[in-house]
């Protein structure tokens, strides 16, 4: 189960980015042992729900990049980052920047995304 330990909304340049971002400290709990490729049907269900995630290049830098990472196995904090960005895009915002990094504590991540 995902648990948001902290949430901060930055309205301007900040420690995470030069733009407004939302920052979560996210505890993914047991999902630390289950990346996306280890959850049966996760990839298919997510793409069925949000097919426009195809446009996300992620670190690969071209459309389909995030889906490649999803198929190969990525952590739920990273998935949350992309879903948060895409929901905003579907609502008419033009946002693309996000980053997910470990805090150093097992299963706990800094998740930051533009708004």
PDB file of N, CA and C in Angstrom:
ATOM      1  N   UNK A   1       0.839  -1.182   0.000  1.00  0.00           N
ATOM      2  CA  UNK A   1       0.000   0.000   0.000  1.00  0.00           C
ATOM      3  C   UNK A   1       0.883   1.244   0.000  1.00  0.00           C
ATOM      4  N   UNK A   2       0.539   2.200  -0.828  1.00  0.00           N
ATOM      5  CA  UNK A   2       1.280   3.455  -0.896  1.00  0.00           C
ATOM      6  C   UNK A   2       0.864   4.369   0.249  1.00  0.00           C
ATOM      7  N   UNK A   3       1.850   5.045   0.818  1.00  0.00           N
ATOM      8  CA  UNK A   3       1.554   5.992   1.889  1.00  0.00           C
ATOM      9  C   UNK A   3       2.347   7.271   1.632  1.00  0.00           C
ATOM     10  N   UNK A   4       1.637   8.394   1.575  1.00  0.00           N
ATOM     11  CA  UNK A   4       2.308   9.678   1.424  1.00  0.00           C
ATOM     12  C   UNK A   4       2.697  10.155   2.816  1.00  0.00           C
ATOM     13  N   UNK A   5       3.979  10.214   3.076  1.00  0.00           N
ATOM     14  CA  UNK A   5       4.470  10.652   4.389  1.00  0.00           C
ATOM     15  C   UNK A   5       4.477  12.174   4.506  1.00  0.00           C
ATOM     16  N   UNK A   6       4.828  12.826   3.407  1.00  0.00           N
ATOM     17  CA  UNK A   6       4.881  14.294   3.388  1.00  0.00           C
ATOM     18  C   UNK A   6       4.414  14.779   2.027  1.00  0.00           C
ATOM     19  N   UNK A   7       3.816  15.965   2.009  1.00  0.00           N
ATOM     20  CA  UNK A   7       3.436  16.603   0.745  1.00  0.00           C
ATOM     21  C   UNK A   7       3.744  18.086   0.880  1.00  0.00           C
ATOM     22  N   UNK A   8       4.454  18.624  -0.099  1.00  0.00           N
ATOM     23  CA  UNK A   8       4.769  20.047  -0.111  1.00  0.00           C
ATOM     24  C   UNK A   8       4.513  20.582  -1.510  1.00  0.00           C
ATOM     25  N   UNK A   9       3.874  21.735  -1.575  1.00  0.00           N
ATOM     26  CA  UNK A   9       3.624  22.395  -2.853  1.00  0.00           C
ATOM     27  C   UNK A   9       4.529  23.618  -2.916  1.00  0.00           C
ATOM     28  N   UNK A  10       5.396  23.642  -3.912  1.00  0.00           N
ATOM     29  CA  UNK A  10       6.306  24.770  -4.122  1.00  0.00           C
ATOM     30  C   UNK A  10       5.759  25.620  -5.262  1.00  0.00           C
ATOM     31  N   UNK A  11       5.555  26.894  -5.010  1.00  0.00           N
ATOM     32  CA  UNK A  11       4.927  27.784  -5.987  1.00  0.00           C
ATOM     33  C   UNK A  11       5.912  28.489  -6.913  1.00  0.00           C
ATOM     34  N   UNK A  12       7.161  28.341  -6.700  1.00  0.00           N
ATOM     35  CA  UNK A  12       8.183  28.977  -7.530  1.00  0.00           C
ATOM     36  C   UNK A  12       9.462  28.168  -7.463  1.00  0.00           C
ATOM     37  N   UNK A  13      10.590  28.760  -7.864  1.00  0.00           N
ATOM     38  CA  UNK A  13      11.861  28.044  -7.788  1.00  0.00           C
ATOM     39  C   UNK A  13      12.089  27.500  -6.376  1.00  0.00           C
ATOM     40  N   UNK A  14      12.661  26.322  -6.309  1.00  0.00           N
ATOM     41  CA  UNK A  14      12.797  25.631  -5.027  1.00  0.00           C
ATOM     42  C   UNK A  14      13.973  24.675  -5.063  1.00  0.00           C
ATOM     43  N   UNK A  15      14.164  23.941  -4.016  1.00  0.00           N
ATOM     44  CA  UNK A  15      15.277  23.005  -3.918  1.00  0.00           C
ATOM     45  C   UNK A  15      15.179  21.873  -4.951  1.00  0.00           C
ATOM     46  N   UNK A  16      13.974  21.573  -5.445  1.00  0.00           N
ATOM     47  CA  UNK A  16      13.769  20.460  -6.368  1.00  0.00           C
ATOM     48  C   UNK A  16      13.794  20.870  -7.835  1.00  0.00           C
ATOM     49  N   UNK A  17      13.365  22.090  -8.129  1.00  0.00           N
ATOM     50  CA  UNK A  17      13.262  22.525  -9.532  1.00  0.00           C
ATOM     51  C   UNK A  17      13.171  24.046  -9.595  1.00  0.00           C
ATOM     52  N   UNK A  18      13.361  24.572 -10.779  1.00  0.00           N
ATOM     53  CA  UNK A  18      13.236  26.020 -10.986  1.00  0.00           C
ATOM     54  C   UNK A  18      11.801  26.437 -11.256  1.00  0.00           C
ATOM     55  N   UNK A  19      10.911  25.488 -11.274  1.00  0.00           N
ATOM     56  CA  UNK A  19       9.508  25.733 -11.594  1.00  0.00           C
ATOM     57  C   UNK A  19       8.636  25.260 -10.439  1.00  0.00           C
ATOM     58  N   UNK A  20       7.355  25.610 -10.440  1.00  0.00           N
ATOM     59  CA  UNK A  20       6.448  25.088  -9.412  1.00  0.00           C
ATOM     60  C   UNK A  20       6.345  23.558  -9.500  1.00  0.00           C
ATOM     61  N   UNK A  21       6.465  22.912  -8.356  1.00  0.00           N
ATOM     62  CA  UNK A  21       6.347  21.452  -8.300  1.00  0.00           C
ATOM     63  C   UNK A  21       5.603  21.036  -7.037  1.00  0.00           C
ATOM     64  N   UNK A  22       5.109  19.826  -7.087  1.00  0.00           N
ATOM     65  CA  UNK A  22       4.569  19.155  -5.912  1.00  0.00           C
ATOM     66  C   UNK A  22       5.587  18.092  -5.531  1.00  0.00           C
ATOM     67  N   UNK A  23       5.891  18.006  -4.256  1.00  0.00           N
ATOM     68  CA  UNK A  23       6.862  17.030  -3.769  1.00  0.00           C
ATOM     69  C   UNK A  23       6.189  16.121  -2.744  1.00  0.00           C
ATOM     70  N   UNK A  24       6.338  14.828  -2.952  1.00  0.00           N
ATOM     71  CA  UNK A  24       5.864  13.829  -2.001  1.00  0.00           C
ATOM     72  C   UNK A  24       7.063  13.064  -1.461  1.00  0.00           C
ATOM     73  N   UNK A  25       6.986  12.696  -0.211  1.00  0.00           N
ATOM     74  CA  UNK A  25       7.839  11.636   0.311  1.00  0.00           C
ATOM     75  C   UNK A  25       6.897  10.443   0.375  1.00  0.00           C
ATOM     76  N   UNK A  26       7.162   9.470  -0.483  1.00  0.00           N
ATOM     77  CA  UNK A  26       6.248   8.350  -0.698  1.00  0.00           C
ATOM     78  C   UNK A  26       6.854   7.054  -0.185  1.00  0.00           C
ATOM     79  N   UNK A  27       6.106   6.367   0.655  1.00  0.00           N
ATOM     80  CA  UNK A  27       6.500   5.055   1.169  1.00  0.00           C
ATOM     81  C   UNK A  27       5.707   4.022   0.375  1.00  0.00           C
ATOM     82  N   UNK A  28       6.417   3.218  -0.423  1.00  0.00           N
ATOM     83  CA  UNK A  28       5.707   2.240  -1.255  1.00  0.00           C
ATOM     84  C   UNK A  28       5.557   0.885  -0.560  1.00  0.00           C
ATOM     85  N   UNK A  29       6.034   0.786   0.662  1.00  0.00           N
ATOM     86  CA  UNK A  29       5.823  -0.413   1.467  1.00  0.00           C
ATOM     87  C   UNK A  29       6.259  -1.694   0.781  1.00  0.00           C
ATOM     88  N   UNK A  30       5.373  -2.681   0.786  1.00  0.00           N
ATOM     89  CA  UNK A  30       5.658  -3.994   0.208  1.00  0.00           C
ATOM     90  C   UNK A  30       5.926  -3.935  -1.287  1.00  0.00           C
ATOM     91  N   UNK A  31       5.472  -2.871  -1.941  1.00  0.00           N
ATOM     92  CA  UNK A  31       5.693  -2.751  -3.382  1.00  0.00           C
ATOM     93  C   UNK A  31       7.164  -2.539  -3.729  1.00  0.00           C
ATOM     94  N   UNK A  32       7.993  -2.273  -2.727  1.00  0.00           N
ATOM     95  CA  UNK A  32       9.438  -2.178  -2.966  1.00  0.00           C
ATOM     96  C   UNK A  32       9.963  -3.500  -3.529  1.00  0.00           C
ATOM     97  N   UNK A  33       9.318  -4.580  -3.156  1.00  0.00           N
ATOM     98  CA  UNK A  33       9.727  -5.906  -3.629  1.00  0.00           C
ATOM     99  C   UNK A  33       9.001  -6.308  -4.915  1.00  0.00           C
ATOM    100  N   UNK A  34       8.118  -5.434  -5.414  1.00  0.00           N
ATOM    101  CA  UNK A  34       7.321  -5.785  -6.591  1.00  0.00           C
ATOM    102  C   UNK A  34       7.301  -4.641  -7.601  1.00  0.00           C
ATOM    103  N   UNK A  35       8.334  -4.528  -8.424  1.00  0.00           N
ATOM    104  CA  UNK A  35       8.299  -3.517  -9.474  1.00  0.00           C
ATOM    105  C   UNK A  35       7.180  -3.830 -10.468  1.00  0.00           C
ATOM    106  N   UNK A  36       6.912  -2.904 -11.344  1.00  0.00           N
ATOM    107  CA  UNK A  36       5.765  -3.002 -12.263  1.00  0.00           C
ATOM    108  C   UNK A  36       5.737  -4.297 -13.071  1.00  0.00           C
ATOM    109  N   UNK A  37       6.884  -4.821 -13.463  1.00  0.00           N
ATOM    110  CA  UNK A  37       6.903  -6.044 -14.276  1.00  0.00           C
ATOM    111  C   UNK A  37       6.638  -7.308 -13.466  1.00  0.00           C
ATOM    112  N   UNK A  38       6.551  -7.188 -12.152  1.00  0.00           N
ATOM    113  CA  UNK A  38       6.275  -8.346 -11.288  1.00  0.00           C
ATOM    114  C   UNK A  38       4.825  -8.388 -10.817  1.00  0.00           C
ATOM    115  N   UNK A  39       4.010  -7.442 -11.287  1.00  0.00           N
ATOM    116  CA  UNK A  39       2.596  -7.398 -10.906  1.00  0.00           C
ATOM    117  C   UNK A  39       1.782  -7.820 -12.125  1.00  0.00           C
ATOM    118  N   UNK A  40       1.212  -9.018 -12.107  1.00  0.00           N
ATOM    119  CA  UNK A  40       0.483  -9.520 -13.269  1.00  0.00           C
ATOM    120  C   UNK A  40      -0.602  -8.551 -13.746  1.00  0.00           C
ATOM    121  N   UNK A  41      -0.556  -8.220 -15.038  1.00  0.00           N
ATOM    122  CA  UNK A  41      -1.582  -7.386 -15.658  1.00  0.00           C
ATOM    123  C   UNK A  41      -1.448  -5.895 -15.405  1.00  0.00           C
ATOM    124  N   UNK A  42      -0.469  -5.479 -14.599  1.00  0.00           N
ATOM    125  CA  UNK A  42      -0.359  -4.057 -14.254  1.00  0.00           C
ATOM    126  C   UNK A  42      -0.148  -3.191 -15.493  1.00  0.00           C
ATOM    127  N   UNK A  43       0.816  -3.569 -16.313  1.00  0.00           N
ATOM    128  CA  UNK A  43       1.118  -2.805 -17.531  1.00  0.00           C
ATOM    129  C   UNK A  43      -0.129  -2.666 -18.406  1.00  0.00           C
ATOM    130  N   UNK A  44      -0.783  -3.778 -18.686  1.00  0.00           N
ATOM    131  CA  UNK A  44      -1.956  -3.776 -19.569  1.00  0.00           C
ATOM    132  C   UNK A  44      -3.086  -2.920 -19.008  1.00  0.00           C
ATOM    133  N   UNK A  45      -3.348  -3.038 -17.726  1.00  0.00           N
ATOM    134  CA  UNK A  45      -4.441  -2.268 -17.110  1.00  0.00           C
ATOM    135  C   UNK A  45      -4.141  -0.773 -17.099  1.00  0.00           C
ATOM    136  N   UNK A  46      -2.902  -0.412 -16.788  1.00  0.00           N
ATOM    137  CA  UNK A  46      -2.551   1.008 -16.751  1.00  0.00           C
ATOM    138  C   UNK A  46      -2.663   1.632 -18.141  1.00  0.00           C
ATOM    139  N   UNK A  47      -2.184   0.938 -19.153  1.00  0.00           N
ATOM    140  CA  UNK A  47      -2.247   1.465 -20.519  1.00  0.00           C
ATOM    141  C   UNK A  47      -3.686   1.516 -21.018  1.00  0.00           C
ATOM    142  N   UNK A  48      -4.501   0.585 -20.594  1.00  0.00           N
ATOM    143  CA  UNK A  48      -5.921   0.623 -20.955  1.00  0.00           C
ATOM    144  C   UNK A  48      -6.594   1.845 -20.327  1.00  0.00           C
ATOM    145  N   UNK A  49      -6.241   2.153 -19.089  1.00  0.00           N
ATOM    146  CA  UNK A  49      -6.828   3.303 -18.393  1.00  0.00           C
ATOM    147  C   UNK A  49      -6.311   4.636 -18.922  1.00  0.00           C
ATOM    148  N   UNK A  50      -5.012   4.704 -19.223  1.00  0.00           N
ATOM    149  CA  UNK A  50      -4.393   5.966 -19.645  1.00  0.00           C
ATOM    150  C   UNK A  50      -3.496   5.698 -20.860  1.00  0.00           C
ATOM    151  N   UNK A  51      -4.087   5.475 -22.032  1.00  0.00           N
ATOM    152  CA  UNK A  51      -3.281   5.149 -23.212  1.00  0.00           C
ATOM    153  C   UNK A  51      -2.314   6.262 -23.623  1.00  0.00           C
ATOM    154  N   UNK A  52      -2.615   7.492 -23.250  1.00  0.00           N
ATOM    155  CA  UNK A  52      -1.752   8.616 -23.627  1.00  0.00           C
ATOM    156  C   UNK A  52      -0.404   8.596 -22.899  1.00  0.00           C
ATOM    157  N   UNK A  53      -0.208   7.699 -21.953  1.00  0.00           N
ATOM    158  CA  UNK A  53       1.108   7.555 -21.325  1.00  0.00           C
ATOM    159  C   UNK A  53       2.167   7.169 -22.352  1.00  0.00           C
ATOM    160  N   UNK A  54       1.723   6.685 -23.508  1.00  0.00           N
ATOM    161  CA  UNK A  54       2.662   6.350 -24.588  1.00  0.00           C
ATOM    162  C   UNK A  54       3.541   7.543 -24.945  1.00  0.00           C
ATOM    163  N   UNK A  55       3.000   8.747 -24.847  1.00  0.00           N
ATOM    164  CA  UNK A  55       3.734   9.953 -25.238  1.00  0.00           C
ATOM    165  C   UNK A  55       4.901  10.268 -24.309  1.00  0.00           C
ATOM    166  N   UNK A  56       4.927   9.704 -23.128  1.00  0.00           N
ATOM    167  CA  UNK A  56       5.982  10.017 -22.165  1.00  0.00           C
ATOM    168  C   UNK A  56       7.297   9.362 -22.574  1.00  0.00           C
ATOM    169  N   UNK A  57       8.293  10.192 -22.792  1.00  0.00           N
ATOM    170  CA  UNK A  57       9.603   9.701 -23.200  1.00  0.00           C
ATOM    171  C   UNK A  57      10.447   9.190 -22.050  1.00  0.00           C
ATOM    172  N   UNK A  58      10.200   9.750 -20.862  1.00  0.00           N
ATOM    173  CA  UNK A  58      10.960   9.379 -19.677  1.00  0.00           C
ATOM    174  C   UNK A  58      12.448   9.595 -19.947  1.00  0.00           C
ATOM    175  N   UNK A  59      13.308   8.876 -19.277  1.00  0.00           N
ATOM    176  CA  UNK A  59      14.753   9.068 -19.436  1.00  0.00           C
ATOM    177  C   UNK A  59      15.251   8.607 -20.801  1.00  0.00           C
ATOM    178  N   UNK A  60      14.453   7.835 -21.515  1.00  0.00           N
ATOM    179  CA  UNK A  60      14.829   7.355 -22.845  1.00  0.00           C
ATOM    180  C   UNK A  60      14.747   8.486 -23.861  1.00  0.00           C
ATOM    181  N   UNK A  61      13.848   9.450 -23.615  1.00  0.00           N
ATOM    182  CA  UNK A  61      13.794  10.656 -24.431  1.00  0.00           C
ATOM    183  C   UNK A  61      12.991  10.586 -25.709  1.00  0.00           C
ATOM    184  N   UNK A  62      12.183   9.553 -25.874  1.00  0.00           N
ATOM    185  CA  UNK A  62      11.321   9.485 -27.060  1.00  0.00           C
ATOM    186  C   UNK A  62      10.014   8.806 -26.682  1.00  0.00           C
ATOM    187  N   UNK A  63       8.935   9.077 -27.443  1.00  0.00           N
ATOM    188  CA  UNK A  63       7.642   8.461 -27.118  1.00  0.00           C
ATOM    189  C   UNK A  63       7.784   6.945 -26.926  1.00  0.00           C
ATOM    190  N   UNK A  64       7.077   6.459 -25.944  1.00  0.00           N
ATOM    191  CA  UNK A  64       7.143   5.036 -25.616  1.00  0.00           C
ATOM    192  C   UNK A  64       8.206   4.709 -24.578  1.00  0.00           C
ATOM    193  N   UNK A  65       9.024   5.699 -24.229  1.00  0.00           N
ATOM    194  CA  UNK A  65      10.110   5.469 -23.274  1.00  0.00           C
ATOM    195  C   UNK A  65       9.627   5.023 -21.906  1.00  0.00           C
ATOM    196  N   UNK A  66       8.608   5.710 -21.397  1.00  0.00           N
ATOM    197  CA  UNK A  66       8.085   5.313 -20.090  1.00  0.00           C
ATOM    198  C   UNK A  66       7.479   3.915 -20.152  1.00  0.00           C
ATOM    199  N   UNK A  67       6.781   3.599 -21.241  1.00  0.00           N
ATOM    200  CA  UNK A  67       6.177   2.263 -21.353  1.00  0.00           C
ATOM    201  C   UNK A  67       7.250   1.176 -21.380  1.00  0.00           C
ATOM    202  N   UNK A  68       8.371   1.473 -22.015  1.00  0.00           N
ATOM    203  CA  UNK A  68       9.487   0.524 -22.018  1.00  0.00           C
ATOM    204  C   UNK A  68       9.967   0.290 -20.583  1.00  0.00           C
ATOM    205  N   UNK A  69      10.137   1.364 -19.836  1.00  0.00           N
ATOM    206  CA  UNK A  69      10.560   1.245 -18.434  1.00  0.00           C
ATOM    207  C   UNK A  69       9.522   0.468 -17.622  1.00  0.00           C
ATOM    208  N   UNK A  70       8.244   0.722 -17.888  1.00  0.00           N
ATOM    209  CA  UNK A  70       7.157   0.040 -17.189  1.00  0.00           C
ATOM    210  C   UNK A  70       7.204  -1.464 -17.457  1.00  0.00           C
ATOM    211  N   UNK A  71       7.420  -1.841 -18.717  1.00  0.00           N
ATOM    212  CA  UNK A  71       7.509  -3.260 -19.087  1.00  0.00           C
ATOM    213  C   UNK A  71       8.729  -3.932 -18.457  1.00  0.00           C
ATOM    214  N   UNK A  72       9.838  -3.212 -18.435  1.00  0.00           N
ATOM    215  CA  UNK A  72      11.079  -3.781 -17.894  1.00  0.00           C
ATOM    216  C   UNK A  72      11.057  -3.862 -16.371  1.00  0.00           C
ATOM    217  N   UNK A  73      10.239  -3.010 -15.757  1.00  0.00           N
ATOM    218  CA  UNK A  73      10.113  -2.988 -14.304  1.00  0.00           C
ATOM    219  C   UNK A  73      10.585  -1.674 -13.718  1.00  0.00           C
ATOM    220  N   UNK A  74       9.661  -0.931 -13.168  1.00  0.00           N
ATOM    221  CA  UNK A  74       9.982   0.312 -12.477  1.00  0.00           C
ATOM    222  C   UNK A  74       9.157   0.364 -11.199  1.00  0.00           C
ATOM    223  N   UNK A  75       9.529   1.265 -10.307  1.00  0.00           N
ATOM    224  CA  UNK A  75       8.903   1.329  -8.994  1.00  0.00           C
ATOM    225  C   UNK A  75       7.662   2.205  -8.997  1.00  0.00           C
ATOM    226  N   UNK A  76       6.805   1.984  -8.029  1.00  0.00           N
ATOM    227  CA  UNK A  76       5.513   2.675  -7.985  1.00  0.00           C
ATOM    228  C   UNK A  76       5.639   4.187  -7.812  1.00  0.00           C
ATOM    229  N   UNK A  77       6.686   4.657  -7.185  1.00  0.00           N
ATOM    230  CA  UNK A  77       6.888   6.103  -7.102  1.00  0.00           C
ATOM    231  C   UNK A  77       7.056   6.712  -8.480  1.00  0.00           C
ATOM    232  N   UNK A  78       7.797   6.028  -9.333  1.00  0.00           N
ATOM    233  CA  UNK A  78       8.009   6.466 -10.710  1.00  0.00           C
ATOM    234  C   UNK A  78       6.700   6.427 -11.495  1.00  0.00           C
ATOM    235  N   UNK A  79       5.910   5.399 -11.268  1.00  0.00           N
ATOM    236  CA  UNK A  79       4.604   5.299 -11.929  1.00  0.00           C
ATOM    237  C   UNK A  79       3.717   6.463 -11.487  1.00  0.00           C
ATOM    238  N   UNK A  80       3.686   6.745 -10.185  1.00  0.00           N
ATOM    239  CA  UNK A  80       2.889   7.863  -9.669  1.00  0.00           C
ATOM    240  C   UNK A  80       3.296   9.174 -10.331  1.00  0.00           C
ATOM    241  N   UNK A  81       4.585   9.405 -10.467  1.00  0.00           N
ATOM    242  CA  UNK A  81       5.095  10.619 -11.112  1.00  0.00           C
ATOM    243  C   UNK A  81       4.482  10.788 -12.505  1.00  0.00           C
ATOM    244  N   UNK A  82       4.544   9.751 -13.322  1.00  0.00           N
ATOM    245  CA  UNK A  82       4.038   9.838 -14.698  1.00  0.00           C
ATOM    246  C   UNK A  82       2.517   9.937 -14.754  1.00  0.00           C
ATOM    247  N   UNK A  83       1.826   9.222 -13.895  1.00  0.00           N
ATOM    248  CA  UNK A  83       0.362   9.305 -13.867  1.00  0.00           C
ATOM    249  C   UNK A  83      -0.070  10.707 -13.447  1.00  0.00           C
ATOM    250  N   UNK A  84       0.591  11.283 -12.450  1.00  0.00           N
ATOM    251  CA  UNK A  84       0.252  12.645 -12.002  1.00  0.00           C
ATOM    252  C   UNK A  84       0.451  13.655 -13.131  1.00  0.00           C
ATOM    253  N   UNK A  85       1.550  13.533 -13.858  1.00  0.00           N
ATOM    254  CA  UNK A  85       1.793  14.437 -14.987  1.00  0.00           C
ATOM    255  C   UNK A  85       0.736  14.254 -16.074  1.00  0.00           C
ATOM    256  N   UNK A  86       0.418  13.008 -16.398  1.00  0.00           N
ATOM    257  CA  UNK A  86      -0.515  12.763 -17.501  1.00  0.00           C
ATOM    258  C   UNK A  86      -1.933  13.187 -17.162  1.00  0.00           C
ATOM    259  N   UNK A  87      -2.372  12.996 -15.939  1.00  0.00           N
ATOM    260  CA  UNK A  87      -3.711  13.462 -15.554  1.00  0.00           C
ATOM    261  C   UNK A  87      -3.805  14.973 -15.741  1.00  0.00           C
ATOM    262  N   UNK A  88      -2.753  15.681 -15.373  1.00  0.00           N
ATOM    263  CA  UNK A  88      -2.739  17.132 -15.581  1.00  0.00           C
ATOM    264  C   UNK A  88      -2.766  17.481 -17.066  1.00  0.00           C
ATOM    265  N   UNK A  89      -2.007  16.755 -17.880  1.00  0.00           N
ATOM    266  CA  UNK A  89      -2.014  16.993 -19.325  1.00  0.00           C
ATOM    267  C   UNK A  89      -3.402  16.756 -19.910  1.00  0.00           C
ATOM    268  N   UNK A  90      -4.054  15.712 -19.468  1.00  0.00           N
ATOM    269  CA  UNK A  90      -5.403  15.416 -19.959  1.00  0.00           C
ATOM    270  C   UNK A  90      -6.395  16.499 -19.558  1.00  0.00           C
ATOM    271  N   UNK A  91      -6.106  17.196 -18.454  1.00  0.00           N
ATOM    272  CA  UNK A  91      -6.969  18.289 -17.995  1.00  0.00           C
ATOM    273  C   UNK A  91      -6.632  19.614 -18.679  1.00  0.00           C
ATOM    274  N   UNK A  92      -5.617  19.609 -19.543  1.00  0.00           N
ATOM    275  CA  UNK A  92      -5.286  20.812 -20.301  1.00  0.00           C
ATOM    276  C   UNK A  92      -4.005  21.515 -19.896  1.00  0.00           C
ATOM    277  N   UNK A  93      -3.360  21.072 -18.843  1.00  0.00           N
ATOM    278  CA  UNK A  93      -2.079  21.670 -18.442  1.00  0.00           C
ATOM    279  C   UNK A  93      -0.975  21.133 -19.347  1.00  0.00           C
ATOM    280  N   UNK A  94       0.061  21.906 -19.510  1.00  0.00           N
ATOM    281  CA  UNK A  94       1.213  21.445 -20.282  1.00  0.00           C
ATOM    282  C   UNK A  94       2.378  21.267 -19.320  1.00  0.00           C
ATOM    283  N   UNK A  95       2.473  20.086 -18.747  1.00  0.00           N
ATOM    284  CA  UNK A  95       3.529  19.775 -17.787  1.00  0.00           C
ATOM    285  C   UNK A  95       4.256  18.510 -18.221  1.00  0.00           C
ATOM    286  N   UNK A  96       5.543  18.463 -17.932  1.00  0.00           N
ATOM    287  CA  UNK A  96       6.318  17.307 -18.364  1.00  0.00           C
ATOM    288  C   UNK A  96       7.429  16.915 -17.399  1.00  0.00           C
ATOM    289  N   UNK A  97       7.781  17.776 -16.472  1.00  0.00           N
ATOM    290  CA  UNK A  97       8.941  17.524 -15.622  1.00  0.00           C
ATOM    291  C   UNK A  97       8.575  16.774 -14.351  1.00  0.00           C
ATOM    292  N   UNK A  98       9.331  15.743 -14.090  1.00  0.00           N
ATOM    293  CA  UNK A  98       9.160  14.985 -12.869  1.00  0.00           C
ATOM    294  C   UNK A  98      10.430  14.226 -12.549  1.00  0.00           C
ATOM    295  N   UNK A  99      10.558  13.815 -11.316  1.00  0.00           N
ATOM    296  CA  UNK A  99      11.735  13.056 -10.912  1.00  0.00           C
ATOM    297  C   UNK A  99      11.373  12.227  -9.686  1.00  0.00           C
ATOM    298  N   UNK A 100      11.855  10.998  -9.667  1.00  0.00           N
ATOM    299  CA  UNK A 100      11.657  10.107  -8.528  1.00  0.00           C
ATOM    300  C   UNK A 100      13.018   9.562  -8.125  1.00  0.00           C
ATOM    301  N   UNK A 101      13.362   9.746  -6.862  1.00  0.00           N
ATOM    302  CA  UNK A 101      14.653   9.293  -6.354  1.00  0.00           C
ATOM    303  C   UNK A 101      14.480   8.708  -4.957  1.00  0.00           C
ATOM    304  N   UNK A 102      15.292   7.717  -4.655  1.00  0.00           N
ATOM    305  CA  UNK A 102      15.274   7.101  -3.327  1.00  0.00           C
ATOM    306  C   UNK A 102      15.722   8.110  -2.276  1.00  0.00           C
ATOM    307  N   UNK A 103      15.149   7.992  -1.092  1.00  0.00           N
ATOM    308  CA  UNK A 103      15.586   8.820   0.034  1.00  0.00           C
ATOM    309  C   UNK A 103      16.777   8.182   0.741  1.00  0.00           C
ATOM    310  N   UNK A 104      17.057   6.926   0.409  1.00  0.00           N
ATOM    311  CA  UNK A 104      18.082   6.168   1.119  1.00  0.00           C
ATOM    312  C   UNK A 104      17.472   5.191   2.113  1.00  0.00           C
ATOM    313  N   UNK A 105      16.203   5.407   2.429  1.00  0.00           N
ATOM    314  CA  UNK A 105      15.466   4.478   3.283  1.00  0.00           C
ATOM    315  C   UNK A 105      14.732   3.499   2.373  1.00  0.00           C
ATOM    316  N   UNK A 106      14.814   2.221   2.675  1.00  0.00           N
ATOM    317  CA  UNK A 106      14.207   1.201   1.828  1.00  0.00           C
ATOM    318  C   UNK A 106      12.720   1.474   1.600  1.00  0.00           C
ATOM    319  N   UNK A 107      12.330   1.545   0.318  1.00  0.00           N
ATOM    320  CA  UNK A 107      10.928   1.704  -0.048  1.00  0.00           C
ATOM    321  C   UNK A 107      10.385   3.116   0.065  1.00  0.00           C
ATOM    322  N   UNK A 108      11.250   4.084   0.353  1.00  0.00           N
ATOM    323  CA  UNK A 108      10.791   5.466   0.521  1.00  0.00           C
ATOM    324  C   UNK A 108      11.455   6.339  -0.542  1.00  0.00           C
ATOM    325  N   UNK A 109      10.632   7.116  -1.249  1.00  0.00           N
ATOM    326  CA  UNK A 109      11.103   7.892  -2.396  1.00  0.00           C
ATOM    327  C   UNK A 109      10.671   9.346  -2.318  1.00  0.00           C
ATOM    328  N   UNK A 110      11.522  10.212  -2.851  1.00  0.00           N
ATOM    329  CA  UNK A 110      11.146  11.591  -3.135  1.00  0.00           C
ATOM    330  C   UNK A 110      10.542  11.585  -4.528  1.00  0.00           C
ATOM    331  N   UNK A 111       9.295  12.002  -4.642  1.00  0.00           N
ATOM    332  CA  UNK A 111       8.606  12.074  -5.933  1.00  0.00           C
ATOM    333  C   UNK A 111       8.235  13.534  -6.153  1.00  0.00           C
ATOM    334  N   UNK A 112       8.740  14.102  -7.227  1.00  0.00           N
ATOM    335  CA  UNK A 112       8.509  15.509  -7.524  1.00  0.00           C
ATOM    336  C   UNK A 112       7.983  15.629  -8.940  1.00  0.00           C
ATOM    337  N   UNK A 113       6.930  16.430  -9.115  1.00  0.00           N
ATOM    338  CA  UNK A 113       6.397  16.635 -10.462  1.00  0.00           C
ATOM    339  C   UNK A 113       5.854  18.045 -10.609  1.00  0.00           C
ATOM    340  N   UNK A 114       6.003  18.543 -11.820  1.00  0.00           N
ATOM    341  CA  UNK A 114       5.553  19.883 -12.179  1.00  0.00           C
ATOM    342  C   UNK A 114       4.036  19.976 -12.110  1.00  0.00           C
ATOM    343  N   UNK A 115       3.545  21.178 -11.809  1.00  0.00           N
ATOM    344  CA  UNK A 115       2.101  21.424 -11.883  1.00  0.00           C
ATOM    345  C   UNK A 115       1.853  22.759 -12.521  1.00  0.00           C
TER     346      UNK A 115
END
